[in-house]
Protein backbone atom coordinates (compact mmCIF):
# COMPACT_ATOMS: atom_id res chain seq x y z
CA MET A 1 -16.89 -34.59 -12.76
CA PRO A 2 -14.23 -36.59 -10.85
CA GLU A 3 -15.41 -39.64 -8.91
CA VAL A 4 -14.08 -40.99 -5.63
CA VAL A 5 -14.62 -44.58 -4.51
CA ASP A 6 -13.30 -45.31 -1.04
CA ARG A 7 -14.12 -45.98 2.60
CA ASP A 8 -13.08 -44.42 5.91
CA THR A 9 -11.80 -41.33 4.08
CA THR A 10 -12.35 -37.62 4.59
CA LEU A 11 -12.45 -35.32 1.59
CA ILE A 12 -11.58 -31.72 2.41
CA VAL A 13 -13.80 -30.20 -0.28
CA ARG A 14 -14.54 -26.83 -1.77
CA GLY A 15 -17.40 -27.13 -4.24
CA LYS A 16 -20.24 -29.64 -4.75
CA VAL A 17 -20.44 -33.28 -3.76
CA ARG A 18 -23.05 -35.87 -4.74
CA VAL A 19 -23.15 -39.19 -2.96
CA VAL A 20 -23.80 -41.80 -5.67
CA GLU A 21 -23.88 -44.76 -3.31
CA GLY A 22 -22.87 -45.56 0.23
CA ARG A 23 -22.87 -43.22 3.22
CA ALA A 24 -21.18 -39.85 3.75
CA THR A 25 -21.49 -37.27 6.51
CA VAL A 26 -20.56 -33.64 7.15
CA PHE A 27 -19.97 -32.95 10.85
CA GLY A 28 -22.01 -36.07 11.59
CA CYS A 29 -24.96 -35.14 9.35
CA PRO A 30 -25.78 -37.72 6.64
CA VAL A 31 -25.75 -36.04 3.22
CA ARG A 32 -26.59 -36.91 -0.38
CA ASP A 33 -25.92 -33.56 -2.07
CA VAL A 34 -23.91 -30.86 -0.35
CA SER A 35 -21.98 -27.79 -1.46
CA SER A 36 -20.03 -24.88 -0.08
CA ASP A 37 -17.89 -22.07 -1.42
CA PHE A 38 -15.52 -22.74 1.47
CA TYR A 39 -13.67 -25.89 2.47
CA PHE A 40 -15.54 -28.48 4.52
CA PRO A 41 -14.84 -32.08 5.60
CA LEU A 42 -16.97 -34.79 3.97
CA TYR A 43 -16.41 -38.14 5.67
CA LEU A 44 -16.99 -41.05 3.30
CA GLU A 45 -17.73 -44.08 5.43
CA GLU A 46 -17.95 -46.18 2.31
CA GLY A 47 -19.25 -45.81 -1.21
CA ARG A 48 -18.85 -43.54 -4.19
CA VAL A 49 -19.13 -39.76 -4.56
CA GLU A 50 -18.87 -37.27 -7.42
CA VAL A 51 -16.99 -34.05 -6.71
CA ASP A 52 -17.39 -30.83 -8.66
CA GLY A 53 -14.62 -28.70 -7.20
CA THR A 54 -11.29 -29.12 -5.46
CA PHE A 55 -10.61 -31.66 -2.72
CA ILE A 56 -7.87 -33.28 -0.67
CA PRO A 57 -8.35 -36.88 0.55
CA VAL A 58 -7.32 -37.71 4.12
CA LYS A 59 -7.48 -41.24 5.53
CA GLY A 60 -9.90 -41.61 8.43
CA SER A 61 -12.16 -39.06 10.11
CA THR A 62 -10.84 -35.56 10.77
CA ILE A 63 -13.28 -34.92 13.62
CA PRO A 64 -11.09 -34.44 16.74
CA GLU A 65 -11.42 -37.07 19.43
CA SER A 66 -12.11 -34.29 21.93
CA TRP A 67 -15.25 -33.42 19.94
CA VAL A 68 -16.43 -37.00 20.08
CA GLU A 69 -15.88 -37.11 23.85
CA LEU A 70 -17.72 -33.82 24.25
CA SER A 71 -20.73 -35.06 22.31
CA GLU A 72 -21.06 -37.94 24.81
CA LYS A 73 -20.83 -35.57 27.76
CA VAL A 74 -23.43 -33.21 26.26
CA LYS A 75 -26.07 -35.95 26.27
CA ASP A 76 -26.42 -35.47 30.04
CA VAL A 77 -26.76 -31.67 30.13
CA SER A 78 -29.18 -29.06 28.78
CA ARG A 79 -27.12 -25.87 28.19
CA VAL A 80 -23.78 -25.59 26.38
CA PHE A 81 -21.83 -22.37 25.78
CA LEU A 82 -19.03 -22.24 23.18
CA VAL A 83 -16.05 -19.89 23.52
CA GLY A 84 -13.24 -19.54 20.99
CA GLU A 85 -11.24 -17.14 18.90
CA THR A 86 -12.21 -16.21 15.36
CA ASP A 87 -11.76 -19.12 12.95
CA SER A 88 -11.32 -21.72 15.69
CA GLY A 89 -14.20 -23.96 14.55
CA LYS A 90 -16.99 -22.91 16.94
CA SER A 91 -19.73 -23.02 14.29
CA SER A 92 -18.51 -26.40 13.05
CA LEU A 93 -18.44 -27.69 16.62
CA ALA A 94 -22.00 -26.43 17.13
CA ALA A 95 -23.09 -28.37 14.01
CA TRP A 96 -21.31 -31.49 15.31
CA LEU A 97 -23.11 -31.25 18.67
CA ILE A 98 -26.46 -30.77 16.95
CA ASN A 99 -25.94 -33.83 14.77
CA SER A 100 -24.65 -35.95 17.67
CA PHE A 101 -27.74 -35.26 19.77
CA GLU A 102 -30.89 -37.35 19.53
CA GLY A 103 -33.68 -34.85 19.06
CA GLU A 104 -34.03 -31.20 18.19
CA VAL A 105 -31.54 -28.66 19.50
CA CYS A 106 -32.13 -24.97 20.15
CA VAL A 107 -29.23 -22.88 18.86
CA VAL A 108 -28.49 -19.28 19.81
CA ASP A 109 -26.05 -17.73 17.33
CA ALA A 110 -24.64 -14.69 19.13
CA ASP A 111 -21.75 -14.17 16.70
CA ILE A 112 -22.66 -10.84 15.10
CA GLY A 113 -19.46 -10.77 13.05
CA GLN A 114 -19.63 -14.11 11.21
CA ALA A 115 -23.28 -14.91 11.82
CA ASP A 116 -24.62 -18.25 10.58
CA ILE A 117 -28.28 -18.33 11.60
CA ALA A 118 -28.89 -14.61 11.17
CA HIS A 119 -26.69 -12.25 9.16
CA PRO A 120 -23.67 -10.13 10.10
CA GLY A 121 -24.87 -7.41 12.42
CA ALA A 122 -27.54 -9.57 14.08
CA MET A 123 -27.99 -12.49 16.46
CA GLY A 124 -30.29 -15.37 15.59
CA ILE A 125 -32.09 -18.25 17.21
CA GLY A 126 -33.35 -21.45 15.61
CA VAL A 127 -34.14 -25.11 16.15
CA ALA A 128 -32.37 -27.88 14.26
CA GLY A 129 -32.35 -31.63 13.83
CA LYS A 130 -29.57 -32.69 11.46
CA VAL A 131 -27.69 -30.01 9.51
CA PRO A 132 -24.37 -30.14 7.63
CA PHE A 133 -23.62 -26.51 8.47
CA LEU A 134 -24.84 -24.13 11.16
CA ARG A 135 -26.00 -21.76 8.41
CA ASP A 136 -28.67 -24.34 7.50
CA VAL A 137 -30.52 -23.68 10.76
CA LYS A 138 -33.59 -21.59 9.97
CA MET A 139 -33.87 -18.37 11.96
CA LEU A 140 -37.04 -18.25 14.07
CA ASP A 141 -36.25 -14.90 15.65
CA GLY A 142 -33.30 -12.64 16.23
CA PHE A 143 -31.90 -9.38 17.51
CA PHE A 144 -30.54 -6.59 15.33
CA ALA A 145 -27.26 -5.26 16.75
CA GLY A 146 -26.49 -3.00 13.79
CA THR A 147 -22.74 -3.57 14.14
CA ILE A 148 -20.40 -6.47 13.37
CA SER A 149 -18.35 -6.11 16.56
CA PRO A 150 -19.63 -5.95 20.12
CA MET A 151 -16.70 -3.73 21.15
CA GLY A 152 -18.13 -0.45 22.35
CA ARG A 153 -21.67 -1.83 22.03
CA GLU A 154 -21.50 -4.39 24.82
CA ALA A 155 -24.61 -3.16 26.66
CA LYS A 156 -26.81 -3.42 23.56
CA CYS A 157 -25.44 -6.83 22.61
CA VAL A 158 -25.89 -8.19 26.15
CA ARG A 159 -29.49 -6.93 26.10
CA GLY A 160 -30.08 -8.73 22.82
CA PHE A 161 -28.47 -11.91 24.09
CA ALA A 162 -30.64 -11.86 27.22
CA SER A 163 -33.73 -11.51 25.03
CA LEU A 164 -32.78 -14.53 22.91
CA CYS A 165 -32.00 -16.61 26.01
CA LYS A 166 -35.56 -16.00 27.22
CA LYS A 167 -36.89 -17.08 23.85
CA ALA A 168 -34.71 -20.20 24.04
CA GLU A 169 -36.24 -21.07 27.41
CA ASN A 170 -39.73 -20.76 25.94
CA LEU A 171 -38.86 -23.23 23.17
CA LYS A 172 -38.30 -25.88 25.87
CA LYS A 173 -35.81 -28.04 23.99
CA GLU A 174 -33.72 -30.64 25.83
CA LEU A 175 -30.48 -29.05 24.64
CA THR A 176 -29.54 -25.44 23.90
CA VAL A 177 -26.19 -24.55 22.35
CA VAL A 178 -24.83 -20.99 22.28
CA ASP A 179 -22.23 -19.90 19.71
CA THR A 180 -20.40 -16.64 20.40
CA THR A 181 -18.10 -14.06 18.80
CA GLY A 182 -14.35 -14.50 18.53
CA TRP A 183 -13.74 -11.46 20.76
CA VAL A 184 -12.26 -13.28 23.76
CA LYS A 185 -9.03 -11.58 24.86
CA GLY A 186 -8.58 -8.46 26.95
CA ARG A 187 -10.47 -7.22 29.97
CA ARG A 188 -13.48 -5.85 28.09
CA ALA A 189 -13.84 -9.04 26.08
CA ARG A 190 -13.68 -11.16 29.25
CA ASP A 191 -16.27 -9.00 31.01
CA TYR A 192 -18.51 -9.27 27.96
CA LYS A 193 -18.27 -13.07 27.82
CA LEU A 194 -18.71 -13.39 31.59
CA ALA A 195 -21.88 -11.26 31.42
CA LYS A 196 -23.29 -13.63 28.81
CA LEU A 197 -22.34 -16.63 30.92
CA GLU A 198 -24.13 -15.09 33.89
CA ILE A 199 -27.27 -14.66 31.77
CA PHE A 200 -27.26 -18.08 30.11
CA ASN A 201 -26.09 -20.07 33.15
CA PRO A 202 -24.69 -23.02 31.16
CA ASP A 203 -23.98 -26.53 32.41
CA ILE A 204 -20.79 -26.73 30.33
CA VAL A 205 -18.56 -24.04 28.88
CA VAL A 206 -16.51 -25.34 25.95
CA PHE A 207 -13.24 -23.63 25.01
CA THR A 208 -11.48 -24.25 21.70
CA GLY A 209 -8.02 -24.34 23.25
CA SER A 210 -6.62 -25.01 26.73
CA ASP A 211 -4.92 -21.59 27.00
CA LEU A 212 -8.26 -19.86 26.53
CA ARG A 213 -9.81 -22.05 29.20
CA LYS A 214 -7.12 -20.96 31.69
CA LEU A 215 -8.02 -17.34 30.97
CA TYR A 216 -11.64 -17.84 32.06
CA GLU A 217 -12.16 -20.90 34.23
CA GLU A 218 -11.49 -19.30 37.63
CA ASP A 219 -14.38 -16.89 37.00
CA VAL A 220 -16.80 -19.51 35.64
CA SER A 221 -19.00 -21.59 37.94
CA ALA A 222 -19.99 -24.13 35.26
CA GLU A 223 -17.91 -27.11 34.20
CA CYS A 224 -15.16 -26.03 31.78
CA VAL A 225 -14.01 -28.28 28.95
CA SER A 226 -11.25 -27.76 26.39
CA VAL A 227 -11.50 -29.20 22.88
CA ASP A 228 -9.21 -29.07 19.89
CA SER A 229 -9.66 -26.33 17.33
CA PHE A 230 -10.54 -27.71 13.91
CA VAL A 231 -10.94 -25.63 10.76
CA PRO A 232 -10.49 -27.29 7.31
CA LYS A 233 -8.81 -24.12 6.08
CA LYS A 234 -8.22 -20.81 7.87
CA ARG A 235 -10.12 -17.83 6.48
CA GLY A 236 -8.21 -14.56 6.17
CA ARG A 237 -9.69 -11.10 6.51
CA GLU A 238 -10.49 -10.83 2.79
CA MET A 239 -12.25 -14.18 2.77
CA ARG A 240 -14.32 -13.22 5.82
CA LEU A 241 -15.31 -10.01 4.01
CA GLU A 242 -16.30 -12.10 1.00
CA ILE A 243 -18.38 -14.41 3.18
CA ARG A 244 -20.22 -11.50 4.76
CA SER A 245 -20.83 -9.91 1.36
CA LYS A 246 -22.47 -13.11 0.07
CA ILE A 247 -24.61 -13.40 3.18
CA TYR A 248 -25.86 -9.84 2.80
CA ARG A 249 -26.83 -10.51 -0.82
CA LYS A 250 -28.71 -13.65 0.15
CA TRP A 251 -30.71 -11.88 2.84
CA LEU A 252 -31.46 -8.76 0.79
CA GLU A 253 -32.71 -10.35 -2.44
CA PRO A 254 -35.10 -9.83 -4.05
CA PRO A 255 -35.44 -6.24 -2.78
CA VAL A 256 -38.84 -4.55 -2.40
CA SER A 257 -39.26 -0.88 -1.43
CA TYR A 258 -41.19 0.14 1.69
CA VAL A 259 -41.67 3.21 3.87
CA VAL A 260 -42.22 3.76 7.60
CA ASP A 261 -42.97 6.95 9.49
CA ARG A 262 -41.48 7.98 12.83
CA ARG A 263 -43.75 5.53 14.66
CA GLY A 264 -42.09 2.70 12.74
CA LEU A 265 -38.59 3.55 13.98
CA LYS A 266 -36.90 2.04 17.02
CA GLY A 267 -33.51 2.25 18.68
CA THR A 268 -32.82 5.83 17.60
CA THR A 269 -33.43 9.40 18.73
CA LEU A 270 -34.13 10.45 15.13
CA PHE A 271 -37.55 12.15 14.94
CA ARG A 272 -37.94 11.79 18.71
CA GLY A 273 -37.43 15.47 19.54
CA GLU A 274 -38.93 18.86 18.79
CA GLU A 275 -37.82 20.35 15.49
CA VAL A 276 -35.60 23.44 15.83
CA LYS A 277 -37.17 26.29 13.87
CA ASP A 278 -35.88 29.38 15.66
CA LYS A 279 -33.67 31.32 13.22
CA ASP A 280 -31.13 32.32 15.84
CA LEU A 281 -30.74 28.72 17.04
CA LEU A 282 -30.45 27.46 13.47
CA SER A 283 -27.81 30.11 12.87
CA ALA A 284 -25.84 28.77 15.84
CA LEU A 285 -26.00 25.28 14.32
CA SER A 286 -24.62 26.51 11.00
CA VAL A 287 -21.19 26.09 12.57
CA PHE A 288 -21.58 22.44 11.49
CA GLY A 289 -22.65 23.26 7.90
CA ASP A 290 -25.84 24.12 5.99
CA VAL A 291 -28.65 22.80 8.18
CA VAL A 292 -31.19 20.48 6.56
CA PHE A 293 -32.97 19.42 9.74
CA ALA A 294 -32.44 19.83 13.47
CA GLU A 295 -34.29 18.60 16.52
CA THR A 296 -33.70 18.58 20.24
CA GLY A 297 -35.09 16.31 22.92
CA CYS A 298 -34.32 14.95 26.36
CA GLY A 299 -30.55 15.47 26.55
CA PHE A 300 -29.89 15.18 22.81
CA LEU A 301 -29.55 17.33 19.72
CA ASN A 302 -29.68 15.91 16.19
CA VAL A 303 -28.35 18.08 13.38
CA CYS A 304 -28.49 17.07 9.73
CA VAL A 305 -26.29 19.20 7.45
CA GLU A 306 -25.33 19.08 3.78
CA LYS A 307 -21.61 18.74 4.49
CA ALA A 308 -20.57 18.03 8.05
CA GLU A 309 -17.74 20.04 9.59
CA VAL A 310 -17.42 19.01 13.21
CA ASN A 311 -14.84 19.96 15.82
CA ALA A 312 -14.79 19.49 19.57
CA GLU A 313 -14.92 23.23 20.36
CA ALA A 314 -18.08 23.74 18.27
CA VAL A 315 -19.75 20.71 19.87
CA ARG A 316 -19.02 22.04 23.38
CA ALA A 317 -20.43 25.44 22.49
CA VAL A 318 -23.63 23.98 21.02
CA LYS A 319 -24.10 21.73 24.05
CA ASP A 320 -24.05 24.81 26.26
CA VAL A 321 -26.49 26.71 24.05
CA PHE A 322 -29.05 23.87 23.92
CA GLY A 323 -28.37 22.38 27.35
CA VAL A 324 -27.86 18.85 26.03
CA ASP A 325 -25.38 16.06 26.75
CA GLU A 326 -25.25 14.55 23.28
CA VAL A 327 -24.86 16.18 19.86
CA ASN A 328 -25.26 14.08 16.70
CA VAL A 329 -24.17 15.71 13.44
CA PHE A 330 -24.78 13.80 10.20
CA GLU A 331 -25.40 14.14 6.48
CA PRO A 332 -28.44 12.96 4.47
CA GLU A 333 -26.16 10.88 2.25
CA TRP A 334 -25.00 8.82 5.21
CA PHE A 335 -28.39 7.12 5.28
CA ARG A 336 -28.20 5.84 1.70
CA ASP A 337 -27.61 2.05 1.79
CA LEU A 338 -27.45 2.13 5.59
CA ILE A 339 -28.23 -1.31 6.96
CA CYS A 340 -31.35 -1.56 9.07
CA GLY A 341 -33.14 -4.33 10.90
CA VAL A 342 -36.76 -5.19 10.08
CA TYR A 343 -39.05 -6.47 12.83
CA TYR A 344 -42.63 -7.67 12.34
CA MET A 345 -45.21 -6.65 14.90
CA GLU A 346 -47.23 -9.75 15.82
CA SER A 347 -49.76 -10.57 18.50
CA SER A 348 -47.00 -12.09 20.64
CA GLY A 349 -44.75 -9.06 20.22
CA GLU A 350 -41.85 -8.12 17.93
CA ARG A 351 -40.10 -10.75 15.81
CA TYR A 352 -36.88 -10.03 13.98
CA VAL A 353 -37.17 -11.05 10.34
CA CYS A 354 -34.45 -9.68 8.08
CA PRO A 355 -32.09 -6.83 7.28
CA GLY A 356 -32.92 -3.99 4.93
CA LEU A 357 -31.14 -1.06 3.31
CA VAL A 358 -32.25 2.54 3.70
CA GLU A 359 -32.90 4.31 0.41
CA ARG A 360 -33.46 7.83 1.74
CA VAL A 361 -34.86 9.86 4.61
CA ASP A 362 -37.61 12.44 4.12
CA PHE A 363 -36.88 14.96 6.88
CA GLU A 364 -39.98 17.06 6.14
CA GLU A 365 -42.44 14.17 6.34
CA LYS A 366 -40.29 12.30 8.88
CA LYS A 367 -40.29 9.07 6.91
CA ILE A 368 -37.73 6.38 6.17
CA PHE A 369 -37.71 4.73 2.76
CA PHE A 370 -36.01 1.36 2.69
CA ARG A 371 -35.86 -1.90 0.77
CA SER A 372 -35.86 -5.45 2.10
CA LYS A 373 -37.23 -8.84 1.17
CA GLU A 374 -40.94 -8.95 0.41
CA MET A 375 -43.29 -8.75 3.38
CA PRO A 376 -46.68 -10.41 3.67
CA GLU A 377 -49.57 -8.05 3.02
CA SER A 378 -50.94 -6.18 6.03
CA THR A 379 -47.70 -6.77 7.94
CA ARG A 380 -46.73 -3.92 10.22
CA ALA A 381 -42.96 -3.47 10.23
CA VAL A 382 -40.71 -1.66 12.68
CA VAL A 383 -37.25 -0.63 11.51
CA GLU A 384 -34.06 -0.14 13.51
CA LEU A 385 -31.16 1.78 11.98
CA GLY A 386 -27.68 0.23 11.99
CA GLU A 387 -24.19 1.68 12.14
CA PHE A 388 -22.77 0.84 8.72
CA LYS A 389 -23.57 1.20 5.04
CA LEU A 390 -23.10 -1.49 2.44
CA VAL A 391 -20.92 -0.21 -0.40
CA ASN A 392 -20.42 -2.89 -3.07
CA GLY A 393 -21.31 -5.49 -0.46
CA ARG A 394 -18.77 -4.26 2.09
CA GLU A 395 -19.24 -2.37 5.33
CA GLU A 396 -18.58 1.35 5.56
CA PHE A 397 -19.15 2.60 9.09
CA VAL A 398 -21.10 5.79 9.74
CA ARG A 399 -22.38 7.57 12.83
CA ILE A 400 -26.07 8.39 12.97
CA PRO A 401 -28.45 9.07 15.91
């Protein structure tokens, strides 16, 4: 294992580092043993470290001066909101602010694509003292979005964000930091970010880049600050997929099988209607394929078929026959390995705990079989269905009710 003896040096490392003597920090957090599959900056103030992996030495600290100035400014405020493109260093900046602050910090991780506190497809909230990485913040609660992009699901994501902001207020910490998705450009993205800003009402909005700040600042009432973007090494699309795949595995192991009935489902119209049993009506639905299960409710029709064949003309005709606004056609196989969110029902209300994967749906008994991490005995779980399957650790998007 190679050894480095130096002072005032940053090692851009991928792998494991053990501090033999002296003092070293990662984003301002003192460390003795630290590791990551992805490059990170370890600042060796002085001393000796052992490195098991690859590294590049750089003289001095790589933390941007604008970050240092921001950490001083943040000491006098209570709410900070981070805005930046994908791979611009928002999570690293959040870790730096946590470690620069004296006392515990509440962190709301609203980045459902590259989540750190929760997992991809969910938002998370936690409280931290000193942490080398944002992913080291333990999730206290969360919100299952069921998708890795807010585009097209803005209303649901804003609702989840509002819920976590209320929980953050109840934690009553001196400082709350919000990390957000990298979806920042375009009218819909701006409206989405501005809605979150309206909900959170920050003291400071931090932009990783001056151009991005110019895009927003005229519509933001809070103080706007630009800081330099800093990422030890950019992550391409394949690497981001790899990161998400590893996070899913971590959250889903070891898997235990469970079952919930229709009362244990939320966020879906599945099993919320009256089952269609009339032969003539079922015959009309056969335009979509061999019907396994069908139900209709307030404005919706759910049709499960063996092999879906859907066209716009057939959907319009069925809408007229059943007098509904929404028709959902799906196959039983689409549920296999579908991601779902598991909430625990507690005396204080629902608490988001972890993701799960659907194993199968019993349409006769109206039950969902799924697997997730082990639950405490006597725990009552509520499950919300997501919008993608995990196939070999990667997302495959499907449309279900």
